[in-house]
Amino acid sequence: EALLAAIYRDGGFDAAAAFIRKQWAARLNGMTKVPRDPKTLLQEWAQARGLPHPVYRATGRTGPDHAPHFTIEVQIEGLTAASGSGPSKRRAEQAAAQIIL
């Protein structure tokens, strides 16, 4: 991000766009669909089966304020709950969703 900002400030939009195309063109052109995170995939999976929405619940937080570590549990009615952890609530929710998938 900082590198792109520096290129933009120094050379303008065209220079930044050229850098992005050069560095990521192969990867972007190779994508066939937009990647989705595990939370989205889990919700779509549950909806496709007529199940209620996943429910996420914080079960723990450790670490100092500047570097917390969260534990989140996800539950879908009728399935065994799964727990995930990460440096943010969102990452912990994604980890839990990935486990239950």
N, C-alpha and C. Protein backbone atom coordinates (compact mmCIF):
# COMPACT_ATOMS: atom_id res chain seq x y z
N GLU A 1 0.83 -1.19 0.00
CA GLU A 1 0.00 0.00 0.00
C GLU A 1 0.87 1.25 0.00
N ALA A 2 1.87 1.27 0.85
CA ALA A 2 2.76 2.43 0.91
C ALA A 2 3.55 2.58 -0.38
N LEU A 3 3.96 1.45 -0.95
CA LEU A 3 4.70 1.50 -2.21
C LEU A 3 3.83 2.07 -3.33
N LEU A 4 2.58 1.62 -3.41
CA LEU A 4 1.67 2.14 -4.43
C LEU A 4 1.43 3.63 -4.24
N ALA A 5 1.27 4.05 -3.00
CA ALA A 5 1.07 5.47 -2.72
C ALA A 5 2.30 6.28 -3.15
N ALA A 6 3.48 5.75 -2.89
CA ALA A 6 4.70 6.46 -3.27
C ALA A 6 4.82 6.57 -4.79
N ILE A 7 4.50 5.50 -5.49
CA ILE A 7 4.55 5.53 -6.96
C ILE A 7 3.53 6.53 -7.49
N TYR A 8 2.34 6.52 -6.91
CA TYR A 8 1.29 7.45 -7.33
C TYR A 8 1.71 8.90 -7.10
N ARG A 9 2.25 9.17 -5.91
CA ARG A 9 2.65 10.55 -5.58
C ARG A 9 3.80 11.02 -6.46
N ASP A 10 4.70 10.10 -6.80
CA ASP A 10 5.87 10.47 -7.59
C ASP A 10 5.56 10.54 -9.08
N GLY A 11 4.81 9.55 -9.58
CA GLY A 11 4.61 9.46 -11.03
C GLY A 11 3.19 9.64 -11.51
N GLY A 12 2.24 9.70 -10.57
CA GLY A 12 0.85 9.89 -10.96
C GLY A 12 0.10 8.58 -11.16
N PHE A 13 -1.15 8.73 -11.55
CA PHE A 13 -2.05 7.58 -11.69
C PHE A 13 -1.55 6.58 -12.72
N ASP A 14 -1.10 7.07 -13.88
CA ASP A 14 -0.67 6.16 -14.95
C ASP A 14 0.51 5.29 -14.51
N ALA A 15 1.44 5.88 -13.77
CA ALA A 15 2.59 5.11 -13.28
C ALA A 15 2.15 4.05 -12.28
N ALA A 16 1.24 4.41 -11.39
CA ALA A 16 0.75 3.45 -10.40
C ALA A 16 -0.04 2.34 -11.09
N ALA A 17 -0.87 2.69 -12.06
CA ALA A 17 -1.66 1.70 -12.78
C ALA A 17 -0.75 0.75 -13.56
N ALA A 18 0.29 1.28 -14.18
CA ALA A 18 1.23 0.43 -14.91
C ALA A 18 1.94 -0.54 -13.98
N PHE A 19 2.34 -0.06 -12.81
CA PHE A 19 2.99 -0.92 -11.83
C PHE A 19 2.05 -2.06 -11.40
N ILE A 20 0.81 -1.72 -11.12
CA ILE A 20 -0.17 -2.73 -10.70
C ILE A 20 -0.36 -3.77 -11.80
N ARG A 21 -0.54 -3.30 -13.04
CA ARG A 21 -0.72 -4.24 -14.15
C ARG A 21 0.49 -5.15 -14.31
N LYS A 22 1.68 -4.58 -14.20
CA LYS A 22 2.90 -5.38 -14.38
C LYS A 22 3.04 -6.44 -13.28
N GLN A 23 2.76 -6.06 -12.05
CA GLN A 23 2.97 -6.97 -10.93
C GLN A 23 1.85 -8.00 -10.74
N TRP A 24 0.61 -7.63 -11.08
CA TRP A 24 -0.51 -8.51 -10.75
C TRP A 24 -1.37 -8.94 -11.94
N ALA A 25 -0.99 -8.60 -13.14
CA ALA A 25 -1.81 -8.91 -14.30
C ALA A 25 -2.07 -10.41 -14.43
N ALA A 26 -1.04 -11.22 -14.31
CA ALA A 26 -1.22 -12.67 -14.47
C ALA A 26 -2.18 -13.22 -13.43
N ARG A 27 -2.04 -12.76 -12.23
CA ARG A 27 -2.91 -13.26 -11.16
C ARG A 27 -4.35 -12.80 -11.36
N LEU A 28 -4.54 -11.53 -11.70
CA LEU A 28 -5.88 -11.01 -11.90
C LEU A 28 -6.55 -11.64 -13.12
N ASN A 29 -5.80 -11.82 -14.19
CA ASN A 29 -6.37 -12.43 -15.39
C ASN A 29 -6.69 -13.90 -15.20
N GLY A 30 -5.99 -14.55 -14.28
CA GLY A 30 -6.22 -15.97 -14.02
C GLY A 30 -7.40 -16.25 -13.12
N MET A 31 -7.95 -15.21 -12.50
CA MET A 31 -9.09 -15.40 -11.61
C MET A 31 -10.36 -15.62 -12.43
N THR A 32 -11.09 -16.67 -12.11
CA THR A 32 -12.33 -16.95 -12.84
C THR A 32 -13.55 -16.43 -12.09
N LYS A 33 -13.41 -16.26 -10.78
CA LYS A 33 -14.52 -15.70 -10.01
C LYS A 33 -13.96 -14.99 -8.79
N VAL A 34 -14.76 -14.17 -8.19
CA VAL A 34 -14.34 -13.41 -7.03
C VAL A 34 -14.18 -14.36 -5.85
N PRO A 35 -13.03 -14.32 -5.16
CA PRO A 35 -12.85 -15.20 -4.00
C PRO A 35 -13.79 -14.78 -2.87
N ARG A 36 -14.32 -15.77 -2.16
CA ARG A 36 -15.22 -15.49 -1.04
C ARG A 36 -14.60 -16.02 0.23
N ASP A 37 -14.86 -15.33 1.30
CA ASP A 37 -14.30 -15.74 2.58
C ASP A 37 -15.13 -16.89 3.16
N PRO A 38 -14.58 -17.62 4.13
CA PRO A 38 -15.28 -18.77 4.70
C PRO A 38 -16.63 -18.42 5.34
N LYS A 39 -16.77 -17.22 5.91
CA LYS A 39 -18.05 -16.84 6.51
C LYS A 39 -19.15 -16.80 5.44
N THR A 40 -18.83 -16.22 4.30
CA THR A 40 -19.80 -16.14 3.21
C THR A 40 -20.13 -17.53 2.71
N LEU A 41 -19.11 -18.36 2.51
CA LEU A 41 -19.34 -19.72 2.04
C LEU A 41 -20.20 -20.52 3.02
N LEU A 42 -19.96 -20.36 4.32
CA LEU A 42 -20.74 -21.07 5.32
C LEU A 42 -22.19 -20.62 5.31
N GLN A 43 -22.42 -19.32 5.20
CA GLN A 43 -23.79 -18.82 5.17
C GLN A 43 -24.52 -19.33 3.93
N GLU A 44 -23.85 -19.31 2.78
CA GLU A 44 -24.47 -19.82 1.56
C GLU A 44 -24.75 -21.31 1.67
N TRP A 45 -23.83 -22.05 2.27
CA TRP A 45 -24.00 -23.49 2.46
C TRP A 45 -25.23 -23.76 3.33
N ALA A 46 -25.36 -23.03 4.43
CA ALA A 46 -26.49 -23.22 5.34
C ALA A 46 -27.80 -22.85 4.66
N GLN A 47 -27.83 -21.73 3.94
CA GLN A 47 -29.05 -21.30 3.27
C GLN A 47 -29.48 -22.31 2.20
N ALA A 48 -28.52 -22.87 1.48
CA ALA A 48 -28.84 -23.84 0.43
C ALA A 48 -29.49 -25.10 1.00
N ARG A 49 -29.26 -25.36 2.29
CA ARG A 49 -29.82 -26.56 2.93
C ARG A 49 -31.01 -26.24 3.83
N GLY A 50 -31.46 -25.00 3.78
CA GLY A 50 -32.61 -24.59 4.59
C GLY A 50 -32.31 -24.49 6.07
N LEU A 51 -31.05 -24.34 6.42
CA LEU A 51 -30.65 -24.23 7.82
C LEU A 51 -30.66 -22.76 8.24
N PRO A 52 -30.78 -22.50 9.54
CA PRO A 52 -30.71 -21.11 10.00
C PRO A 52 -29.30 -20.54 9.79
N HIS A 53 -29.21 -19.22 9.86
CA HIS A 53 -27.93 -18.54 9.71
C HIS A 53 -26.96 -18.99 10.80
N PRO A 54 -25.67 -19.02 10.49
CA PRO A 54 -24.67 -19.31 11.52
C PRO A 54 -24.69 -18.22 12.59
N VAL A 55 -24.48 -18.65 13.83
CA VAL A 55 -24.43 -17.71 14.95
C VAL A 55 -23.00 -17.72 15.50
N TYR A 56 -22.40 -16.55 15.56
CA TYR A 56 -21.03 -16.41 16.05
C TYR A 56 -21.06 -15.82 17.45
N ARG A 57 -20.23 -16.40 18.34
CA ARG A 57 -20.19 -15.95 19.72
C ARG A 57 -18.73 -15.89 20.19
N ALA A 58 -18.36 -14.75 20.75
CA ALA A 58 -17.00 -14.60 21.29
C ALA A 58 -16.88 -15.44 22.55
N THR A 59 -15.86 -16.27 22.61
CA THR A 59 -15.65 -17.13 23.78
C THR A 59 -14.36 -16.82 24.52
N GLY A 60 -13.52 -15.96 23.94
CA GLY A 60 -12.29 -15.63 24.64
C GLY A 60 -11.52 -14.51 23.97
N ARG A 61 -10.74 -13.84 24.80
CA ARG A 61 -9.86 -12.78 24.32
C ARG A 61 -8.63 -12.78 25.23
N THR A 62 -7.47 -12.89 24.61
CA THR A 62 -6.23 -12.87 25.37
C THR A 62 -5.28 -11.85 24.73
N GLY A 63 -4.19 -11.62 25.39
CA GLY A 63 -3.18 -10.72 24.85
C GLY A 63 -3.41 -9.28 25.25
N PRO A 64 -2.39 -8.48 25.04
CA PRO A 64 -2.48 -7.05 25.37
C PRO A 64 -3.39 -6.31 24.38
N ASP A 65 -3.76 -5.10 24.73
CA ASP A 65 -4.66 -4.31 23.88
C ASP A 65 -4.09 -4.07 22.48
N HIS A 66 -2.78 -3.95 22.37
CA HIS A 66 -2.19 -3.67 21.07
C HIS A 66 -2.00 -4.93 20.22
N ALA A 67 -2.19 -6.11 20.80
CA ALA A 67 -2.04 -7.37 20.06
C ALA A 67 -2.99 -8.42 20.61
N PRO A 68 -4.30 -8.20 20.50
CA PRO A 68 -5.25 -9.16 21.07
C PRO A 68 -5.33 -10.44 20.24
N HIS A 69 -5.85 -11.46 20.86
CA HIS A 69 -6.09 -12.74 20.19
C HIS A 69 -7.49 -13.20 20.60
N PHE A 70 -8.37 -13.34 19.62
CA PHE A 70 -9.77 -13.66 19.89
C PHE A 70 -10.08 -15.11 19.58
N THR A 71 -11.02 -15.67 20.34
CA THR A 71 -11.56 -16.99 20.07
C THR A 71 -13.06 -16.83 19.86
N ILE A 72 -13.55 -17.37 18.74
CA ILE A 72 -14.95 -17.25 18.37
C ILE A 72 -15.50 -18.65 18.10
N GLU A 73 -16.73 -18.86 18.53
CA GLU A 73 -17.42 -20.13 18.27
C GLU A 73 -18.54 -19.86 17.27
N VAL A 74 -18.70 -20.75 16.31
CA VAL A 74 -19.80 -20.64 15.36
C VAL A 74 -20.70 -21.87 15.54
N GLN A 75 -22.00 -21.61 15.51
CA GLN A 75 -22.97 -22.68 15.70
C GLN A 75 -24.05 -22.57 14.63
N ILE A 76 -24.38 -23.69 14.05
CA ILE A 76 -25.53 -23.80 13.16
C ILE A 76 -26.40 -24.89 13.76
N GLU A 77 -27.67 -24.57 13.93
CA GLU A 77 -28.60 -25.50 14.55
C GLU A 77 -28.50 -26.88 13.90
N GLY A 78 -28.32 -27.90 14.74
CA GLY A 78 -28.23 -29.27 14.26
C GLY A 78 -26.82 -29.74 13.96
N LEU A 79 -25.83 -28.86 14.02
CA LEU A 79 -24.45 -29.23 13.76
C LEU A 79 -23.59 -28.98 14.99
N THR A 80 -22.49 -29.66 15.07
CA THR A 80 -21.55 -29.45 16.16
C THR A 80 -20.87 -28.09 15.98
N ALA A 81 -20.76 -27.34 17.04
CA ALA A 81 -20.12 -26.02 17.00
C ALA A 81 -18.63 -26.17 16.70
N ALA A 82 -18.05 -25.11 16.16
CA ALA A 82 -16.61 -25.09 15.89
C ALA A 82 -16.05 -23.78 16.42
N SER A 83 -14.80 -23.82 16.86
CA SER A 83 -14.12 -22.63 17.37
C SER A 83 -12.93 -22.30 16.51
N GLY A 84 -12.70 -21.01 16.36
CA GLY A 84 -11.54 -20.53 15.63
C GLY A 84 -10.94 -19.36 16.37
N SER A 85 -9.70 -19.05 16.07
CA SER A 85 -9.05 -17.93 16.74
C SER A 85 -8.24 -17.13 15.74
N GLY A 86 -7.97 -15.87 16.13
CA GLY A 86 -7.19 -15.01 15.26
C GLY A 86 -6.94 -13.66 15.90
N PRO A 87 -6.18 -12.81 15.22
CA PRO A 87 -5.80 -11.51 15.77
C PRO A 87 -6.92 -10.47 15.74
N SER A 88 -8.03 -10.79 15.12
CA SER A 88 -9.20 -9.91 15.11
C SER A 88 -10.44 -10.78 15.20
N LYS A 89 -11.56 -10.16 15.57
CA LYS A 89 -12.80 -10.94 15.64
C LYS A 89 -13.16 -11.49 14.27
N ARG A 90 -12.96 -10.68 13.25
CA ARG A 90 -13.29 -11.13 11.89
C ARG A 90 -12.46 -12.34 11.47
N ARG A 91 -11.16 -12.29 11.74
CA ARG A 91 -10.29 -13.42 11.39
C ARG A 91 -10.66 -14.67 12.19
N ALA A 92 -11.01 -14.48 13.46
CA ALA A 92 -11.42 -15.62 14.29
C ALA A 92 -12.72 -16.22 13.77
N GLU A 93 -13.67 -15.36 13.35
CA GLU A 93 -14.92 -15.86 12.78
C GLU A 93 -14.66 -16.63 11.49
N GLN A 94 -13.78 -16.11 10.66
CA GLN A 94 -13.44 -16.81 9.42
C GLN A 94 -12.78 -18.16 9.69
N ALA A 95 -11.92 -18.21 10.70
CA ALA A 95 -11.27 -19.46 11.06
C ALA A 95 -12.30 -20.48 11.56
N ALA A 96 -13.24 -20.03 12.37
CA ALA A 96 -14.28 -20.93 12.88
C ALA A 96 -15.15 -21.43 11.74
N ALA A 97 -15.52 -20.53 10.82
CA ALA A 97 -16.33 -20.93 9.67
C ALA A 97 -15.60 -21.95 8.81
N GLN A 98 -14.30 -21.75 8.61
CA GLN A 98 -13.51 -22.69 7.81
C GLN A 98 -13.50 -24.07 8.46
N ILE A 99 -13.40 -24.11 9.77
CA ILE A 99 -13.38 -25.39 10.48
C ILE A 99 -14.70 -26.12 10.33
N ILE A 100 -15.81 -25.41 10.49
CA ILE A 100 -17.12 -26.07 10.41
C ILE A 100 -17.45 -26.50 8.97
N LEU A 101 -16.90 -25.77 7.99
CA LEU A 101 -17.10 -26.18 6.58
C LEU A 101 -16.45 -27.53 6.33
